[in-house]
Amino acid sequence: MTLLDAKEDDPREARKRKTRTTAIIVFVVGVLAIGFLGFLLGHGWWFRYWPEEHVAGKFFDAIEKQDYNTAYGIWMQDVDWRQHPERHPKYPFGDFYRDWGPGGEWGLIKTQKVYGASTCPGGGSGIVVDVVVNDRAEHAQVWVEKSDHTMSYPPCELMFH
């Protein structure tokens, strides 16, 4: 078979390909339009604090898995913290484990879900992330710095609805 003897295009296949391409383009444009319109209408907050929510989510995932070393590394934003624990004298691992380990305020964390995030009244350098822990009515709240994603306890307590 030579180039001149190539098969003719099947009109049904061409129509399927065109329909599939059009559907994908319409879907992508629709998602972008909904996202853009949502942002213009004031719903851009859905993704506004996503980086900080993601950090808090990773932290609570590690706590749920009882991987306290990884959780402490996320809290301090220092994965190699075990090689130089003296760099973190304000909140050493022992204190962290006492607070977030099985004997801490939240006990053994079996379920958790990031519920929301916001800034403290008057602003600040970080974000308060609200997390539902073990389906309790009282939520855990952590502070995530915007600049370096280190974590701490929030300077304010917010109510999320």
N, C-alpha and C. Protein backbone atom coordinates (compact mmCIF):
# COMPACT_ATOMS: atom_id res chain seq x y z
N MET A 1 0.84 -1.16 0.00
CA MET A 1 0.00 0.00 0.00
C MET A 1 0.90 1.24 0.00
N THR A 2 0.60 2.18 -0.85
CA THR A 2 1.36 3.42 -0.92
C THR A 2 0.52 4.55 -0.37
N LEU A 3 1.11 5.72 -0.33
CA LEU A 3 0.38 6.88 0.16
C LEU A 3 -0.84 7.18 -0.70
N LEU A 4 -0.70 6.93 -1.95
CA LEU A 4 -1.81 7.21 -2.86
C LEU A 4 -2.94 6.21 -2.70
N ASP A 5 -2.63 5.07 -2.08
CA ASP A 5 -3.65 4.04 -1.87
C ASP A 5 -4.20 4.06 -0.44
N ALA A 6 -4.00 5.12 0.29
CA ALA A 6 -4.42 5.18 1.70
C ALA A 6 -5.93 5.05 1.81
N LYS A 7 -6.37 4.56 2.97
CA LYS A 7 -7.80 4.40 3.21
C LYS A 7 -8.47 5.77 3.25
N GLU A 8 -9.69 5.78 2.80
CA GLU A 8 -10.47 7.02 2.88
C GLU A 8 -10.97 7.18 4.31
N ASP A 9 -11.11 8.43 4.73
CA ASP A 9 -11.62 8.70 6.07
C ASP A 9 -13.06 8.22 6.18
N ASP A 10 -13.34 7.57 7.29
CA ASP A 10 -14.70 7.13 7.58
C ASP A 10 -15.45 8.33 8.15
N PRO A 11 -16.54 8.78 7.51
CA PRO A 11 -17.26 9.96 7.99
C PRO A 11 -17.79 9.79 9.42
N ARG A 12 -18.12 8.56 9.81
CA ARG A 12 -18.62 8.34 11.17
C ARG A 12 -17.51 8.57 12.19
N GLU A 13 -16.30 8.11 11.90
CA GLU A 13 -15.16 8.33 12.80
C GLU A 13 -14.82 9.81 12.89
N ALA A 14 -14.86 10.50 11.78
CA ALA A 14 -14.56 11.94 11.77
C ALA A 14 -15.60 12.69 12.60
N ARG A 15 -16.86 12.29 12.49
CA ARG A 15 -17.92 12.94 13.26
C ARG A 15 -17.74 12.66 14.76
N LYS A 16 -17.38 11.41 15.12
CA LYS A 16 -17.13 11.08 16.52
C LYS A 16 -15.98 11.92 17.08
N ARG A 17 -14.91 12.02 16.31
CA ARG A 17 -13.73 12.78 16.73
C ARG A 17 -14.10 14.26 16.92
N LYS A 18 -14.87 14.81 15.98
CA LYS A 18 -15.27 16.21 16.06
C LYS A 18 -16.19 16.44 17.27
N THR A 19 -17.12 15.51 17.50
CA THR A 19 -18.03 15.63 18.64
C THR A 19 -17.26 15.56 19.95
N ARG A 20 -16.32 14.63 20.05
CA ARG A 20 -15.52 14.47 21.26
C ARG A 20 -14.68 15.72 21.52
N THR A 21 -14.04 16.24 20.49
CA THR A 21 -13.22 17.45 20.62
C THR A 21 -14.08 18.64 21.05
N THR A 22 -15.24 18.78 20.42
CA THR A 22 -16.15 19.88 20.78
C THR A 22 -16.61 19.75 22.22
N ALA A 23 -16.95 18.54 22.66
CA ALA A 23 -17.41 18.33 24.04
C ALA A 23 -16.32 18.69 25.04
N ILE A 24 -15.09 18.31 24.76
CA ILE A 24 -13.98 18.63 25.66
C ILE A 24 -13.77 20.14 25.73
N ILE A 25 -13.80 20.80 24.59
CA ILE A 25 -13.60 22.26 24.56
C ILE A 25 -14.73 22.96 25.32
N VAL A 26 -15.98 22.54 25.09
CA VAL A 26 -17.12 23.14 25.78
C VAL A 26 -17.00 22.92 27.29
N PHE A 27 -16.59 21.73 27.71
CA PHE A 27 -16.43 21.43 29.13
C PHE A 27 -15.37 22.33 29.77
N VAL A 28 -14.21 22.42 29.14
CA VAL A 28 -13.12 23.24 29.68
C VAL A 28 -13.52 24.71 29.74
N VAL A 29 -14.11 25.22 28.67
CA VAL A 29 -14.55 26.62 28.65
C VAL A 29 -15.63 26.84 29.71
N GLY A 30 -16.55 25.90 29.87
CA GLY A 30 -17.60 26.02 30.88
C GLY A 30 -17.04 26.06 32.29
N VAL A 31 -16.10 25.18 32.60
CA VAL A 31 -15.49 25.18 33.93
C VAL A 31 -14.75 26.49 34.18
N LEU A 32 -14.00 26.95 33.20
CA LEU A 32 -13.29 28.23 33.36
C LEU A 32 -14.27 29.39 33.52
N ALA A 33 -15.35 29.39 32.75
CA ALA A 33 -16.34 30.47 32.85
C ALA A 33 -17.03 30.46 34.21
N ILE A 34 -17.40 29.29 34.70
CA ILE A 34 -18.04 29.20 36.01
C ILE A 34 -17.08 29.67 37.10
N GLY A 35 -15.83 29.23 37.02
CA GLY A 35 -14.83 29.67 38.00
C GLY A 35 -14.61 31.17 37.95
N PHE A 36 -14.51 31.73 36.75
CA PHE A 36 -14.27 33.17 36.61
C PHE A 36 -15.48 33.96 37.09
N LEU A 37 -16.68 33.54 36.69
CA LEU A 37 -17.89 34.23 37.15
C LEU A 37 -18.06 34.12 38.66
N GLY A 38 -17.75 32.95 39.20
CA GLY A 38 -17.82 32.79 40.65
C GLY A 38 -16.88 33.73 41.36
N PHE A 39 -15.69 33.89 40.81
CA PHE A 39 -14.73 34.81 41.41
C PHE A 39 -15.24 36.25 41.33
N LEU A 40 -15.80 36.63 40.16
CA LEU A 40 -16.33 37.98 40.01
C LEU A 40 -17.51 38.25 40.94
N LEU A 41 -18.29 37.22 41.21
CA LEU A 41 -19.47 37.38 42.06
C LEU A 41 -19.14 37.23 43.54
N GLY A 42 -17.88 37.11 43.86
CA GLY A 42 -17.48 37.06 45.27
C GLY A 42 -17.26 35.67 45.82
N HIS A 43 -17.25 34.67 44.97
CA HIS A 43 -17.03 33.31 45.45
C HIS A 43 -15.60 32.84 45.18
N GLY A 44 -14.70 33.76 44.91
CA GLY A 44 -13.31 33.39 44.68
C GLY A 44 -12.65 32.87 45.94
N TRP A 45 -13.29 33.10 47.08
CA TRP A 45 -12.76 32.62 48.35
C TRP A 45 -12.69 31.11 48.41
N TRP A 46 -13.39 30.42 47.53
CA TRP A 46 -13.33 28.96 47.53
C TRP A 46 -11.90 28.46 47.47
N PHE A 47 -11.07 29.14 46.69
CA PHE A 47 -9.70 28.69 46.50
C PHE A 47 -8.69 29.66 47.08
N ARG A 48 -9.16 30.69 47.73
CA ARG A 48 -8.27 31.75 48.20
C ARG A 48 -7.21 31.23 49.18
N TYR A 49 -7.61 30.37 50.10
CA TYR A 49 -6.69 29.87 51.12
C TYR A 49 -6.30 28.41 50.88
N TRP A 50 -6.41 27.97 49.64
CA TRP A 50 -6.12 26.57 49.33
C TRP A 50 -4.71 26.15 49.76
N PRO A 51 -3.66 26.93 49.53
CA PRO A 51 -2.32 26.47 49.95
C PRO A 51 -2.24 26.20 51.46
N GLU A 52 -2.83 27.08 52.25
CA GLU A 52 -2.79 26.90 53.71
C GLU A 52 -3.68 25.73 54.13
N GLU A 53 -4.82 25.57 53.48
CA GLU A 53 -5.69 24.43 53.79
C GLU A 53 -4.98 23.12 53.45
N HIS A 54 -4.22 23.13 52.35
CA HIS A 54 -3.49 21.94 51.93
C HIS A 54 -2.43 21.56 52.97
N VAL A 55 -1.70 22.55 53.47
CA VAL A 55 -0.69 22.30 54.50
C VAL A 55 -1.35 21.70 55.74
N ALA A 56 -2.44 22.30 56.19
CA ALA A 56 -3.14 21.79 57.37
C ALA A 56 -3.69 20.38 57.10
N GLY A 57 -4.18 20.14 55.90
CA GLY A 57 -4.68 18.81 55.55
C GLY A 57 -3.58 17.77 55.60
N LYS A 58 -2.40 18.10 55.07
CA LYS A 58 -1.26 17.16 55.13
C LYS A 58 -0.86 16.90 56.58
N PHE A 59 -0.87 17.95 57.39
CA PHE A 59 -0.53 17.82 58.81
C PHE A 59 -1.49 16.85 59.50
N PHE A 60 -2.78 17.06 59.33
CA PHE A 60 -3.76 16.20 59.99
C PHE A 60 -3.78 14.80 59.40
N ASP A 61 -3.45 14.66 58.12
CA ASP A 61 -3.30 13.31 57.54
C ASP A 61 -2.19 12.55 58.25
N ALA A 62 -1.06 13.22 58.49
CA ALA A 62 0.06 12.58 59.17
C ALA A 62 -0.32 12.23 60.62
N ILE A 63 -1.02 13.12 61.30
CA ILE A 63 -1.47 12.85 62.67
C ILE A 63 -2.42 11.65 62.68
N GLU A 64 -3.33 11.62 61.71
CA GLU A 64 -4.29 10.51 61.64
C GLU A 64 -3.56 9.18 61.44
N LYS A 65 -2.47 9.19 60.68
CA LYS A 65 -1.68 7.98 60.46
C LYS A 65 -0.73 7.70 61.62
N GLN A 66 -0.76 8.54 62.64
CA GLN A 66 0.11 8.47 63.80
C GLN A 66 1.58 8.59 63.41
N ASP A 67 1.84 9.33 62.36
CA ASP A 67 3.21 9.61 61.91
C ASP A 67 3.59 10.98 62.47
N TYR A 68 3.91 11.00 63.74
CA TYR A 68 4.15 12.26 64.44
C TYR A 68 5.44 12.95 64.00
N ASN A 69 6.42 12.17 63.56
CA ASN A 69 7.66 12.78 63.06
C ASN A 69 7.39 13.59 61.80
N THR A 70 6.62 13.03 60.87
CA THR A 70 6.26 13.76 59.65
C THR A 70 5.39 14.96 60.00
N ALA A 71 4.44 14.77 60.90
CA ALA A 71 3.55 15.87 61.29
C ALA A 71 4.35 17.02 61.89
N TYR A 72 5.34 16.71 62.72
CA TYR A 72 6.18 17.76 63.31
C TYR A 72 6.98 18.47 62.22
N GLY A 73 7.46 17.71 61.24
CA GLY A 73 8.18 18.32 60.12
C GLY A 73 7.29 19.26 59.32
N ILE A 74 6.02 18.91 59.16
CA ILE A 74 5.07 19.79 58.46
C ILE A 74 4.80 21.01 59.33
N TRP A 75 4.61 20.80 60.62
CA TRP A 75 4.33 21.91 61.54
C TRP A 75 5.45 22.95 61.48
N MET A 76 6.69 22.46 61.47
CA MET A 76 7.86 23.35 61.46
C MET A 76 8.33 23.70 60.04
N GLN A 77 7.74 23.05 59.02
CA GLN A 77 8.20 23.20 57.64
C GLN A 77 9.69 22.89 57.55
N ASP A 78 10.06 21.76 58.14
CA ASP A 78 11.46 21.32 58.18
C ASP A 78 11.46 19.80 58.18
N VAL A 79 11.54 19.20 56.99
CA VAL A 79 11.48 17.74 56.90
C VAL A 79 12.69 17.08 57.55
N ASP A 80 13.79 17.79 57.66
CA ASP A 80 15.01 17.23 58.26
C ASP A 80 15.18 17.67 59.71
N TRP A 81 14.11 17.94 60.40
CA TRP A 81 14.18 18.48 61.77
C TRP A 81 14.93 17.55 62.72
N ARG A 82 14.91 16.24 62.48
CA ARG A 82 15.59 15.29 63.38
C ARG A 82 17.11 15.46 63.35
N GLN A 83 17.63 16.01 62.26
CA GLN A 83 19.07 16.21 62.15
C GLN A 83 19.52 17.45 62.91
N HIS A 84 18.60 18.33 63.26
CA HIS A 84 18.95 19.55 63.99
C HIS A 84 17.77 20.02 64.85
N PRO A 85 17.38 19.23 65.84
CA PRO A 85 16.24 19.60 66.69
C PRO A 85 16.49 20.88 67.50
N GLU A 86 17.75 21.25 67.65
CA GLU A 86 18.06 22.46 68.42
C GLU A 86 17.57 23.73 67.72
N ARG A 87 17.21 23.65 66.45
CA ARG A 87 16.70 24.81 65.72
C ARG A 87 15.26 25.15 66.11
N HIS A 88 14.62 24.27 66.86
CA HIS A 88 13.21 24.47 67.21
C HIS A 88 13.02 24.45 68.73
N PRO A 89 13.70 25.34 69.44
CA PRO A 89 13.62 25.30 70.92
C PRO A 89 12.28 25.80 71.47
N LYS A 90 11.54 26.61 70.70
CA LYS A 90 10.28 27.17 71.22
C LYS A 90 9.17 26.13 71.32
N TYR A 91 9.23 25.11 70.48
CA TYR A 91 8.21 24.06 70.50
C TYR A 91 8.89 22.74 70.17
N PRO A 92 9.60 22.16 71.15
CA PRO A 92 10.32 20.90 70.89
C PRO A 92 9.35 19.74 70.62
N PHE A 93 9.90 18.70 70.04
CA PHE A 93 9.08 17.55 69.65
C PHE A 93 8.33 16.96 70.84
N GLY A 94 8.94 16.90 72.01
CA GLY A 94 8.25 16.34 73.18
C GLY A 94 6.97 17.10 73.51
N ASP A 95 7.04 18.42 73.46
CA ASP A 95 5.84 19.23 73.70
C ASP A 95 4.81 19.01 72.60
N PHE A 96 5.29 18.93 71.36
CA PHE A 96 4.40 18.69 70.22
C PHE A 96 3.67 17.36 70.40
N TYR A 97 4.41 16.31 70.75
CA TYR A 97 3.82 14.99 70.92
C TYR A 97 2.81 14.99 72.07
N ARG A 98 3.12 15.71 73.13
CA ARG A 98 2.20 15.80 74.26
C ARG A 98 0.89 16.49 73.83
N ASP A 99 1.01 17.48 72.94
CA ASP A 99 -0.18 18.21 72.47
C ASP A 99 -0.98 17.44 71.42
N TRP A 100 -0.28 16.79 70.48
CA TRP A 100 -0.95 16.20 69.33
C TRP A 100 -0.95 14.68 69.32
N GLY A 101 -0.25 14.06 70.26
CA GLY A 101 -0.22 12.60 70.34
C GLY A 101 -1.51 12.05 70.92
N PRO A 102 -1.55 10.74 71.15
CA PRO A 102 -2.77 10.10 71.65
C PRO A 102 -3.27 10.66 72.99
N GLY A 103 -2.37 11.20 73.80
CA GLY A 103 -2.77 11.76 75.09
C GLY A 103 -3.11 13.24 75.03
N GLY A 104 -3.08 13.82 73.85
CA GLY A 104 -3.35 15.25 73.70
C GLY A 104 -4.83 15.59 73.76
N GLU A 105 -5.11 16.84 73.56
CA GLU A 105 -6.49 17.35 73.64
C GLU A 105 -7.43 16.62 72.69
N TRP A 106 -6.95 16.23 71.52
CA TRP A 106 -7.82 15.62 70.51
C TRP A 106 -7.79 14.11 70.55
N GLY A 107 -6.95 13.55 71.42
CA GLY A 107 -6.86 12.10 71.53
C GLY A 107 -6.33 11.48 70.25
N LEU A 108 -6.66 10.23 70.05
CA LEU A 108 -6.25 9.53 68.84
C LEU A 108 -7.16 9.99 67.71
N ILE A 109 -6.59 10.62 66.71
CA ILE A 109 -7.39 11.17 65.62
C ILE A 109 -7.66 10.07 64.60
N LYS A 110 -8.95 9.75 64.43
CA LYS A 110 -9.34 8.70 63.49
C LYS A 110 -9.93 9.28 62.22
N THR A 111 -10.58 10.44 62.31
CA THR A 111 -11.12 11.11 61.13
C THR A 111 -10.86 12.60 61.26
N GLN A 112 -10.68 13.24 60.13
CA GLN A 112 -10.47 14.68 60.12
C GLN A 112 -10.81 15.21 58.74
N LYS A 113 -11.27 16.45 58.71
CA LYS A 113 -11.62 17.08 57.44
C LYS A 113 -11.46 18.58 57.59
N VAL A 114 -10.74 19.18 56.66
CA VAL A 114 -10.61 20.63 56.66
C VAL A 114 -11.99 21.22 56.38
N TYR A 115 -12.45 22.09 57.26
CA TYR A 115 -13.80 22.63 57.19
C TYR A 115 -13.83 24.03 56.59
N GLY A 116 -12.79 24.81 56.84
CA GLY A 116 -12.76 26.17 56.32
C GLY A 116 -11.49 26.87 56.71
N ALA A 117 -11.33 28.08 56.20
CA ALA A 117 -10.14 28.88 56.51
C ALA A 117 -10.50 30.35 56.39
N SER A 118 -9.85 31.17 57.20
CA SER A 118 -10.08 32.60 57.14
C SER A 118 -8.96 33.33 57.87
N THR A 119 -8.97 34.64 57.76
CA THR A 119 -8.00 35.45 58.49
C THR A 119 -8.62 35.89 59.81
N CYS A 120 -7.78 36.26 60.73
CA CYS A 120 -8.26 36.84 61.99
C CYS A 120 -8.79 38.23 61.71
N PRO A 121 -9.72 38.72 62.52
CA PRO A 121 -10.18 40.10 62.35
C PRO A 121 -8.98 41.05 62.43
N GLY A 122 -8.91 41.96 61.51
CA GLY A 122 -7.78 42.89 61.48
C GLY A 122 -6.63 42.37 60.63
N GLY A 123 -6.78 41.19 60.06
CA GLY A 123 -5.74 40.65 59.19
C GLY A 123 -4.67 39.90 59.96
N GLY A 124 -3.51 39.83 59.39
CA GLY A 124 -2.41 39.11 60.01
C GLY A 124 -1.54 38.47 58.95
N SER A 125 -0.51 37.80 59.42
CA SER A 125 0.45 37.20 58.50
C SER A 125 0.11 35.76 58.14
N GLY A 126 -1.00 35.26 58.67
CA GLY A 126 -1.34 33.87 58.41
C GLY A 126 -2.84 33.66 58.30
N ILE A 127 -3.19 32.39 58.23
CA ILE A 127 -4.57 31.96 58.03
C ILE A 127 -4.95 30.98 59.13
N VAL A 128 -6.15 31.12 59.67
CA VAL A 128 -6.69 30.15 60.60
C VAL A 128 -7.40 29.08 59.78
N VAL A 129 -6.98 27.82 59.96
CA VAL A 129 -7.62 26.70 59.25
C VAL A 129 -8.41 25.91 60.29
N ASP A 130 -9.68 25.70 59.99
CA ASP A 130 -10.61 25.02 60.88
C ASP A 130 -10.76 23.57 60.41
N VAL A 131 -10.62 22.63 61.34
CA VAL A 131 -10.64 21.21 60.99
C VAL A 131 -11.60 20.46 61.91
N VAL A 132 -12.48 19.65 61.32
CA VAL A 132 -13.37 18.79 62.09
C VAL A 132 -12.58 17.53 62.42
N VAL A 133 -12.42 17.25 63.71
CA VAL A 133 -11.64 16.10 64.16
C VAL A 133 -12.56 15.11 64.86
N ASN A 134 -12.51 13.87 64.42
CA ASN A 134 -13.30 12.79 65.02
C ASN A 134 -14.79 13.14 65.11
N ASP A 135 -15.27 13.91 64.15
CA ASP A 135 -16.68 14.32 64.09
C ASP A 135 -17.16 15.02 65.37
N ARG A 136 -16.24 15.66 66.06
CA ARG A 136 -16.61 16.40 67.27
C ARG A 136 -17.25 17.74 66.90
N ALA A 137 -18.11 18.23 67.77
CA ALA A 137 -18.75 19.52 67.54
C ALA A 137 -17.72 20.65 67.64
N GLU A 138 -16.77 20.51 68.56
CA GLU A 138 -15.70 21.49 68.70
C GLU A 138 -14.64 21.19 67.64
N HIS A 139 -14.25 22.21 66.89
CA HIS A 139 -13.29 22.02 65.82
C HIS A 139 -11.89 22.39 66.28
N ALA A 140 -10.90 21.74 65.69
CA ALA A 140 -9.50 22.12 65.91
C ALA A 140 -9.18 23.27 64.98
N GLN A 141 -8.39 24.21 65.45
CA GLN A 141 -7.97 25.32 64.60
C GLN A 141 -6.46 25.47 64.70
N VAL A 142 -5.84 25.64 63.55
CA VAL A 142 -4.39 25.85 63.50
C VAL A 142 -4.12 27.10 62.67
N TRP A 143 -2.98 27.67 62.91
CA TRP A 143 -2.52 28.88 62.22
C TRP A 143 -1.46 28.46 61.23
N VAL A 144 -1.60 28.87 59.97
CA VAL A 144 -0.60 28.58 58.94
C VAL A 144 -0.10 29.92 58.40
N GLU A 145 1.20 30.15 58.54
CA GLU A 145 1.80 31.39 58.03
C GLU A 145 1.74 31.38 56.51
N LYS A 146 1.35 32.51 55.93
CA LYS A 146 1.28 32.62 54.46
C LYS A 146 2.66 32.54 53.83
N SER A 147 3.65 33.14 54.48
CA SER A 147 4.97 33.28 53.86
C SER A 147 5.73 31.96 53.77
N ASP A 148 5.77 31.18 54.85
CA ASP A 148 6.60 29.97 54.84
C ASP A 148 5.84 28.70 55.21
N HIS A 149 4.54 28.83 55.47
CA HIS A 149 3.66 27.70 55.80
C HIS A 149 4.03 26.98 57.09
N THR A 150 4.78 27.65 57.99
CA THR A 150 4.96 27.07 59.31
C THR A 150 3.62 27.16 60.04
N MET A 151 3.46 26.29 61.02
CA MET A 151 2.18 26.21 61.72
C MET A 151 2.37 26.58 63.19
N SER A 152 1.29 27.01 63.80
CA SER A 152 1.26 27.27 65.24
C SER A 152 -0.20 27.32 65.66
N TYR A 153 -0.41 27.71 66.90
CA TYR A 153 -1.77 27.87 67.39
C TYR A 153 -2.28 29.24 66.98
N PRO A 154 -3.55 29.38 66.63
CA PRO A 154 -4.06 30.66 66.13
C PRO A 154 -4.13 31.73 67.22
N PRO A 155 -3.87 32.99 66.84
CA PRO A 155 -3.97 34.08 67.79
C PRO A 155 -5.41 34.50 68.07
N CYS A 156 -6.35 33.98 67.28
CA CYS A 156 -7.76 34.28 67.49
C CYS A 156 -8.56 33.00 67.27
N GLU A 157 -9.77 32.98 67.78
CA GLU A 157 -10.64 31.83 67.56
C GLU A 157 -11.80 32.28 66.70
N LEU A 158 -12.02 31.58 65.60
CA LEU A 158 -13.08 31.94 64.66
C LEU A 158 -14.19 30.91 64.71
N MET A 159 -15.39 31.35 64.41
CA MET A 159 -16.54 30.45 64.31
C MET A 159 -16.84 30.23 62.83
N PHE A 160 -16.85 28.98 62.41
CA PHE A 160 -17.16 28.64 61.03
C PHE A 160 -18.54 27.99 61.00
N HIS A 161 -19.34 28.39 60.02
CA HIS A 161 -20.70 27.86 59.91
C HIS A 161 -20.83 27.02 58.67
